[in-house]
Amino acid sequence: MTSTATRPRGARARAAIAAKTLRTDRWWFAPLITVIGLSAWIAYATVRVFMHKWYWVDEFHYLTPFYSPCVTERCVEGASHFGRFLPGWWIIPDAALTLPFLLLFRLTCYYYRKAYYRSFWLSPPACAVPDGHAEYGGETRFPLLGQNLHRYFFYAAAIISLINTWDAILAFHSPKGFGFGLGNIVLLVNVVMLWAYTISCHSCRHIIGGRLKHFSKHPVRYQAWTFISALNVRHMQLAWITLGTLALTDFYIMAIAADWFPDLRFIN
């Protein structure tokens, strides 16, 4: 059986198979789970960002990362570590200074590109499964040309991780001075995971050791590159873990701020 498709001279003929794919496994399951998972997280985050309440626990200085730093005129005073200089219109997120950069950092992330290309765009949905589009232009046209800006969004994400770290440090507070509760553990775990995801980025790995010709002449950078390379292997897992820790941290602080249940305190 021969194919009628035009092929280079000497190339072996492909079988004329009517089916789009011969895969019999559940190749569609991973893209489906990705669509469900990302859609659920985006829906939750969007609702929370525009709720404009239950983001700050004044008693313990808990601030959700979805509102950090809080820079609009509607922000409560304690949560505004960097001032309130943006209008308090409902359409403006209270963390408008950082949320766009975090969104762009994740949208241009190498793993997330693979995730939403395969799931939302079906380009392609799985290996050995045809692309869902008639034409393939790669990342050569607008807006996908912006994917190359990922290396610059990394710097912004690193700065934002520093801000989140500062928020976690300030949260060791109670009416009696130093305090420690379950909320502190939640904030710290989230910060550690965010740092792990951020520095496991391919751009960070390249910045640390990508331009070196001789590792032997740069032992410190080589050790850093080795550590980041080990994290880079887990970049996909960290991408999902941080979505979970961000949502969990926000929900816990929202629950404390709304008085749904009290914070479990260990010290003060």
Protein backbone atom coordinates (compact mmCIF):
# COMPACT_ATOMS: atom_id res chain seq x y z
CA MET A 1 0.00 0.00 0.00
CA THR A 2 1.51 3.35 -1.00
CA SER A 3 0.71 6.93 -0.19
CA THR A 4 -0.26 9.40 -2.89
CA ALA A 5 1.42 12.25 -1.00
CA THR A 6 4.43 13.88 -2.62
CA ARG A 7 7.67 12.85 -0.93
CA PRO A 8 11.40 13.42 -1.48
CA ARG A 9 13.20 11.01 -3.82
CA GLY A 10 14.48 8.02 -1.91
CA ALA A 11 12.13 8.53 1.03
CA ARG A 12 10.17 5.55 2.26
CA ALA A 13 6.44 5.60 1.59
CA ARG A 14 4.11 6.21 4.50
CA ALA A 15 1.15 3.96 5.02
CA ALA A 16 -2.14 5.41 3.79
CA ILE A 17 -3.95 5.39 7.13
CA ALA A 18 -7.35 7.05 7.39
CA ALA A 19 -7.25 7.39 11.19
CA LYS A 20 -5.77 10.59 12.61
CA THR A 21 -3.73 8.60 15.10
CA LEU A 22 -3.14 4.96 15.95
CA ARG A 23 -2.65 5.67 19.62
CA THR A 24 -4.97 3.57 21.75
CA ASP A 25 -4.01 4.98 25.15
CA ARG A 26 -5.75 7.89 26.87
CA TRP A 27 -3.59 10.56 25.20
CA TRP A 28 -6.37 13.10 25.69
CA PHE A 29 -6.36 12.75 29.48
CA ALA A 30 -3.31 14.96 30.21
CA PRO A 31 -4.55 17.90 28.07
CA LEU A 32 -8.01 17.59 29.64
CA ILE A 33 -6.63 17.66 33.19
CA THR A 34 -4.48 20.65 32.27
CA VAL A 35 -7.51 22.56 30.94
CA ILE A 36 -9.52 21.77 34.07
CA GLY A 37 -6.68 22.59 36.47
CA LEU A 38 -5.60 25.86 34.87
CA SER A 39 -9.19 27.01 34.27
CA ALA A 40 -10.13 26.36 37.90
CA TRP A 41 -7.08 28.23 39.18
CA ILE A 42 -7.64 31.19 36.85
CA ALA A 43 -11.29 31.40 37.89
CA TYR A 44 -10.42 31.34 41.60
CA ALA A 45 -7.59 33.87 41.24
CA THR A 46 -9.73 36.26 39.16
CA VAL A 47 -12.55 36.22 41.71
CA ARG A 48 -10.16 36.78 44.59
CA VAL A 49 -8.23 39.58 42.92
CA PHE A 50 -11.40 41.57 42.31
CA MET A 51 -13.07 40.86 45.66
CA HIS A 52 -11.04 43.66 47.26
CA LYS A 53 -11.52 42.27 50.76
CA TRP A 54 -10.32 39.58 53.18
CA TYR A 55 -6.68 39.91 52.21
CA TRP A 56 -5.11 41.30 55.39
CA VAL A 57 -5.09 40.08 59.00
CA ASP A 58 -4.01 43.08 61.03
CA GLU A 59 -3.56 41.15 64.27
CA PHE A 60 -0.82 38.92 62.82
CA HIS A 61 0.22 40.94 59.74
CA TYR A 62 -0.83 38.21 57.33
CA LEU A 63 -1.01 39.50 53.74
CA THR A 64 -2.10 37.23 50.90
CA PRO A 65 0.30 37.14 47.91
CA PHE A 66 -2.64 37.98 45.61
CA TYR A 67 -2.64 41.48 47.17
CA SER A 68 1.08 42.05 47.68
CA PRO A 69 2.11 44.77 47.56
CA CYS A 70 -1.22 46.51 48.07
CA VAL A 71 -0.89 49.86 46.28
CA THR A 72 -4.39 51.22 45.56
CA GLU A 73 -6.20 53.89 47.56
CA ARG A 74 -8.65 51.31 48.92
CA CYS A 75 -5.89 49.25 50.60
CA VAL A 76 -5.89 49.21 54.38
CA GLU A 77 -2.97 51.06 55.92
CA GLY A 78 -1.16 48.08 57.42
CA ALA A 79 -1.10 46.18 54.13
CA SER A 80 0.36 49.10 52.18
CA HIS A 81 4.08 48.61 52.72
CA PHE A 82 4.98 50.60 49.59
CA GLY A 83 2.34 53.32 49.70
CA ARG A 84 -1.06 53.79 48.06
CA PHE A 85 -0.60 55.61 44.77
CA LEU A 86 -3.07 53.98 42.35
CA PRO A 87 -6.79 54.88 42.10
CA GLY A 88 -9.21 52.72 44.03
CA TRP A 89 -11.32 51.80 41.00
CA TRP A 90 -12.73 48.27 41.21
CA ILE A 91 -11.25 47.30 37.84
CA ILE A 92 -7.70 47.90 39.14
CA PRO A 93 -6.27 44.99 41.17
CA ASP A 94 -4.87 46.06 44.52
CA ALA A 95 -1.58 44.39 43.56
CA ALA A 96 -1.56 45.96 40.10
CA LEU A 97 2.15 46.74 40.49
CA THR A 98 3.13 43.05 40.45
CA LEU A 99 0.30 40.89 39.08
CA PRO A 100 0.89 41.76 35.38
CA PHE A 101 4.57 40.76 35.64
CA LEU A 102 3.75 37.53 37.45
CA LEU A 103 1.15 36.71 34.81
CA LEU A 104 3.60 37.41 31.98
CA PHE A 105 6.34 35.40 33.71
CA ARG A 106 4.06 32.36 33.89
CA LEU A 107 2.54 32.80 30.44
CA THR A 108 5.99 32.87 28.84
CA CYS A 109 7.40 30.08 31.03
CA TYR A 110 8.73 27.20 28.92
CA TYR A 111 6.65 24.64 30.79
CA TYR A 112 3.43 26.65 30.72
CA ARG A 113 3.86 27.21 26.99
CA LYS A 114 3.90 23.45 26.49
CA ALA A 115 0.93 23.08 28.84
CA TYR A 116 -1.45 25.55 27.24
CA TYR A 117 -0.24 24.94 23.67
CA ARG A 118 -1.16 21.27 24.03
CA SER A 119 -4.33 21.69 26.08
CA PHE A 120 -6.07 24.92 25.08
CA TRP A 121 -4.66 25.26 21.55
CA LEU A 122 -4.23 21.56 20.69
CA SER A 123 -0.93 22.40 19.05
CA PRO A 124 -0.39 19.45 19.19
CA PRO A 125 -2.46 17.83 21.96
CA ALA A 126 -0.02 14.90 22.33
CA CYS A 127 2.85 13.10 20.64
CA ALA A 128 1.84 11.30 17.43
CA VAL A 129 -1.49 13.17 17.41
CA PRO A 130 -2.13 15.72 14.61
CA ASP A 131 -2.12 19.42 15.34
CA GLY A 132 -5.55 20.97 15.82
CA HIS A 133 -4.70 23.75 13.37
CA ALA A 134 -4.34 23.66 9.61
CA GLU A 135 -1.20 25.81 9.68
CA TYR A 136 1.72 26.08 12.08
CA GLY A 137 3.58 29.35 12.41
CA GLY A 138 5.52 28.67 15.59
CA GLU A 139 6.36 31.73 17.70
CA THR A 140 7.19 33.94 14.73
CA ARG A 141 4.17 36.22 14.82
CA PHE A 142 2.43 38.57 17.28
CA PRO A 143 1.58 37.97 20.09
CA LEU A 144 3.79 34.89 20.41
CA LEU A 145 6.86 36.97 19.59
CA GLY A 146 6.57 38.19 23.16
CA GLN A 147 7.51 34.74 24.44
CA ASN A 148 11.14 35.77 23.94
CA LEU A 149 10.73 38.36 26.72
CA HIS A 150 10.58 35.60 29.32
CA ARG A 151 14.18 36.25 30.42
CA TYR A 152 13.25 39.82 31.38
CA PHE A 153 10.08 38.82 33.21
CA PHE A 154 12.30 36.51 35.27
CA TYR A 155 14.01 39.55 36.86
CA ALA A 156 10.62 40.99 37.79
CA ALA A 157 9.55 37.65 39.26
CA ALA A 158 12.72 37.51 41.37
CA ILE A 159 11.99 40.98 42.78
CA ILE A 160 8.41 39.98 43.55
CA SER A 161 9.69 36.86 45.33
CA LEU A 162 11.79 39.17 47.52
CA ILE A 163 8.65 41.15 48.35
CA ASN A 164 6.80 37.94 49.25
CA THR A 165 9.73 36.94 51.45
CA TRP A 166 9.51 40.29 53.24
CA ASP A 167 5.76 39.74 53.76
CA ALA A 168 6.48 36.34 55.32
CA ILE A 169 9.04 37.89 57.68
CA LEU A 170 6.68 40.69 58.75
CA ALA A 171 4.04 38.07 59.54
CA PHE A 172 5.98 36.93 62.62
CA HIS A 173 3.90 39.39 64.60
CA SER A 174 1.31 39.31 67.32
CA PRO A 175 -0.29 41.90 69.63
CA LYS A 176 2.37 40.91 72.18
CA GLY A 177 5.32 41.24 69.79
CA PHE A 178 6.85 38.16 68.17
CA GLY A 179 4.31 35.56 67.18
CA PHE A 180 4.20 32.27 65.34
CA GLY A 181 1.17 30.41 64.03
CA LEU A 182 -0.05 28.09 61.30
CA GLY A 183 -0.37 31.09 59.01
CA ASN A 184 3.38 31.64 59.26
CA ILE A 185 4.04 28.06 58.16
CA VAL A 186 1.66 28.49 55.20
CA LEU A 187 3.37 31.73 54.16
CA LEU A 188 6.87 30.28 54.53
CA VAL A 189 6.08 27.12 52.54
CA ASN A 190 4.59 29.27 49.79
CA VAL A 191 7.67 31.52 49.67
CA VAL A 192 10.07 28.58 49.55
CA MET A 193 8.10 26.98 46.71
CA LEU A 194 7.92 30.28 44.81
CA TRP A 195 11.69 30.68 45.07
CA ALA A 196 12.22 27.10 43.93
CA TYR A 197 9.97 27.63 40.90
CA THR A 198 11.50 31.00 40.05
CA ILE A 199 15.15 29.99 40.18
CA SER A 200 14.47 26.65 38.46
CA CYS A 201 13.50 28.71 35.41
CA HIS A 202 15.49 27.98 32.24
CA SER A 203 16.40 31.67 31.98
CA CYS A 204 17.89 31.66 35.48
CA ARG A 205 19.92 28.56 34.63
CA HIS A 206 21.29 30.29 31.55
CA ILE A 207 22.06 33.50 33.46
CA ILE A 208 24.07 31.56 36.05
CA GLY A 209 26.12 29.36 33.74
CA GLY A 210 25.00 29.68 30.14
CA ARG A 211 27.79 31.97 28.96
CA LEU A 212 30.70 30.36 30.76
CA LYS A 213 33.31 28.65 28.61
CA HIS A 214 35.25 27.03 31.45
CA PHE A 215 33.41 25.93 34.58
CA SER A 216 36.76 25.19 36.22
CA LYS A 217 37.50 28.93 36.31
CA HIS A 218 34.17 29.74 37.99
CA PRO A 219 33.67 27.16 40.77
CA VAL A 220 31.05 29.18 42.67
CA ARG A 221 28.90 29.75 39.60
CA TYR A 222 29.36 26.12 38.63
CA GLN A 223 28.01 24.97 42.00
CA ALA A 224 25.08 27.38 41.65
CA TRP A 225 24.45 26.16 38.10
CA THR A 226 24.52 22.54 39.29
CA PHE A 227 21.98 23.30 42.02
CA ILE A 228 19.67 25.19 39.66
CA SER A 229 20.00 22.44 37.05
CA ALA A 230 18.78 19.93 39.64
CA LEU A 231 15.77 22.15 40.35
CA ASN A 232 15.21 22.70 36.64
CA VAL A 233 14.45 19.00 36.24
CA ARG A 234 11.47 19.57 38.58
CA HIS A 235 10.32 22.78 36.91
CA MET A 236 7.01 21.29 35.76
CA GLN A 237 6.17 19.93 39.20
CA LEU A 238 7.14 23.22 40.84
CA ALA A 239 4.93 25.11 38.39
CA TRP A 240 1.90 23.16 39.59
CA ILE A 241 2.94 23.08 43.24
CA THR A 242 3.19 26.88 43.36
CA LEU A 243 -0.27 27.25 41.88
CA GLY A 244 -1.47 25.10 44.76
CA THR A 245 0.49 26.92 47.47
CA LEU A 246 -0.61 30.33 46.16
CA ALA A 247 -4.28 29.33 46.25
CA LEU A 248 -3.92 27.63 49.66
CA THR A 249 -2.12 30.64 51.16
CA ASP A 250 -4.71 33.05 49.82
CA PHE A 251 -7.61 30.89 51.01
CA TYR A 252 -6.17 30.47 54.50
CA ILE A 253 -5.58 34.20 54.95
CA MET A 254 -9.03 34.96 53.50
CA ALA A 255 -10.59 32.56 56.00
CA ILE A 256 -8.75 34.15 58.95
CA ALA A 257 -9.59 37.68 57.76
CA ALA A 258 -13.26 36.74 57.32
CA ASP A 259 -13.37 35.11 60.81
CA TRP A 260 -14.39 31.73 59.40
CA PHE A 261 -12.02 30.11 61.87
CA PRO A 262 -9.15 31.34 64.09
CA ASP A 263 -5.49 31.02 63.29
CA LEU A 264 -3.77 28.16 65.10
CA ARG A 265 -1.12 29.90 67.25
CA PHE A 266 1.99 28.26 68.66
CA ILE A 267 3.65 31.36 70.17
CA ASN A 268 1.61 34.42 71.18
